[in-house]
Amino acid sequence: MAEDGKVDLILEELRGLRAEFNAFSLDTGERVASLEIQVKHGISGNGQPSRLQVVEDRVESLSVWRWRIVGICGGASGVIMLLGWLLRQ
């Protein structure tokens, strides 16, 4: 009789643990699915420019500006050298 009570108690505890584990498993699965969606939308953009595309565009813009500034500095130094040469004459 006393053993039946212990067995019932153990079974009740196991059922409670199983219910808690199932809730934890569902919650974890939902969180993982949410993170997968966020990562997918963050990289692919889902019809809008993604973060990766925005970064690539900004890097390209910086590269274009760099060459423009190099050209402007080269032109300005050429003009300064020409003016210096003309003033010596």
Protein backbone atom coordinates (compact mmCIF):
# COMPACT_ATOMS: atom_id res chain seq x y z
CA MET A 1 0.00 0.00 0.00
CA ALA A 2 2.72 2.41 0.94
CA GLU A 3 4.59 1.44 -2.21
CA ASP A 4 1.55 2.33 -4.33
CA GLY A 5 1.57 5.82 -2.84
CA LYS A 6 5.26 6.22 -3.62
CA VAL A 7 4.76 4.99 -7.18
CA ASP A 8 1.84 7.39 -7.66
CA LEU A 9 3.92 10.25 -6.26
CA ILE A 10 6.82 9.43 -8.57
CA LEU A 11 4.49 9.17 -11.58
CA GLU A 12 2.89 12.51 -10.69
CA GLU A 13 6.32 14.16 -10.44
CA LEU A 14 7.34 12.67 -13.79
CA ARG A 15 4.14 13.96 -15.43
CA GLY A 16 4.84 17.42 -14.03
CA LEU A 17 8.42 17.33 -15.31
CA ARG A 18 7.19 16.17 -18.72
CA ALA A 19 4.70 19.05 -18.89
CA GLU A 20 7.40 21.56 -17.92
CA PHE A 21 9.79 20.08 -20.47
CA ASN A 22 7.14 20.22 -23.20
CA ALA A 23 6.45 23.88 -22.41
CA PHE A 24 10.19 24.61 -22.44
CA SER A 25 10.61 22.75 -25.71
CA LEU A 26 7.78 24.67 -27.38
CA ASP A 27 9.09 28.00 -26.07
CA THR A 28 12.62 27.22 -27.26
CA GLY A 29 11.33 26.14 -30.67
CA GLU A 30 9.38 29.37 -31.05
CA ARG A 31 12.42 31.44 -30.09
CA VAL A 32 14.66 29.61 -32.55
CA ALA A 33 12.10 30.06 -35.34
CA SER A 34 11.83 33.76 -34.53
CA LEU A 35 15.62 34.16 -34.64
CA GLU A 36 15.80 32.31 -37.96
CA ILE A 37 13.22 34.66 -39.44
CA GLN A 38 15.05 37.73 -38.12
CA VAL A 39 18.37 36.51 -39.54
CA LYS A 40 16.79 35.63 -42.89
CA HIS A 41 15.12 39.03 -43.21
CA GLY A 42 18.25 40.81 -41.99
CA ILE A 43 20.43 39.22 -44.66
CA SER A 44 18.06 38.77 -47.58
CA GLY A 45 15.86 41.83 -46.98
CA ASN A 46 12.58 40.16 -48.00
CA GLY A 47 11.82 42.63 -50.79
CA GLN A 48 13.57 45.57 -49.13
CA PRO A 49 17.25 46.43 -49.06
CA SER A 50 18.90 44.16 -46.54
CA ARG A 51 21.43 45.32 -43.99
CA LEU A 52 24.14 43.60 -45.98
CA GLN A 53 23.09 45.40 -49.19
CA VAL A 54 23.00 48.75 -47.35
CA VAL A 55 26.55 48.19 -46.07
CA GLU A 56 27.77 47.21 -49.55
CA ASP A 57 26.19 50.36 -51.03
CA ARG A 58 27.83 52.57 -48.41
CA VAL A 59 31.25 50.99 -48.98
CA GLU A 60 30.85 51.53 -52.74
CA SER A 61 29.90 55.16 -52.11
CA LEU A 62 33.00 55.66 -49.95
CA SER A 63 35.16 54.12 -52.66
CA VAL A 64 33.73 56.50 -55.28
CA TRP A 65 34.28 59.51 -53.02
CA ARG A 66 37.84 58.41 -52.31
CA TRP A 67 38.70 58.47 -56.01
CA ARG A 68 36.97 61.81 -56.45
CA ILE A 69 39.03 63.31 -53.64
CA VAL A 70 42.24 61.84 -55.07
CA GLY A 71 41.39 63.42 -58.42
CA ILE A 72 40.56 66.79 -56.88
CA CYS A 73 43.81 66.80 -54.85
CA GLY A 74 45.82 65.82 -57.92
CA GLY A 75 44.20 68.56 -59.99
CA ALA A 76 44.69 71.16 -57.25
CA SER A 77 48.37 70.26 -56.84
CA GLY A 78 48.81 70.51 -60.63
CA VAL A 79 47.23 73.98 -60.66
CA ILE A 80 49.41 75.10 -57.73
CA MET A 81 52.54 73.82 -59.47
CA LEU A 82 51.54 75.58 -62.70
CA LEU A 83 50.90 78.84 -60.85
CA GLY A 84 54.26 78.54 -59.08
CA TRP A 85 56.01 77.89 -62.36
CA LEU A 86 54.25 80.87 -64.03
CA LEU A 87 55.13 83.20 -61.16
CA ARG A 88 58.83 82.30 -61.44
CA GLN A 89 58.88 83.25 -65.12
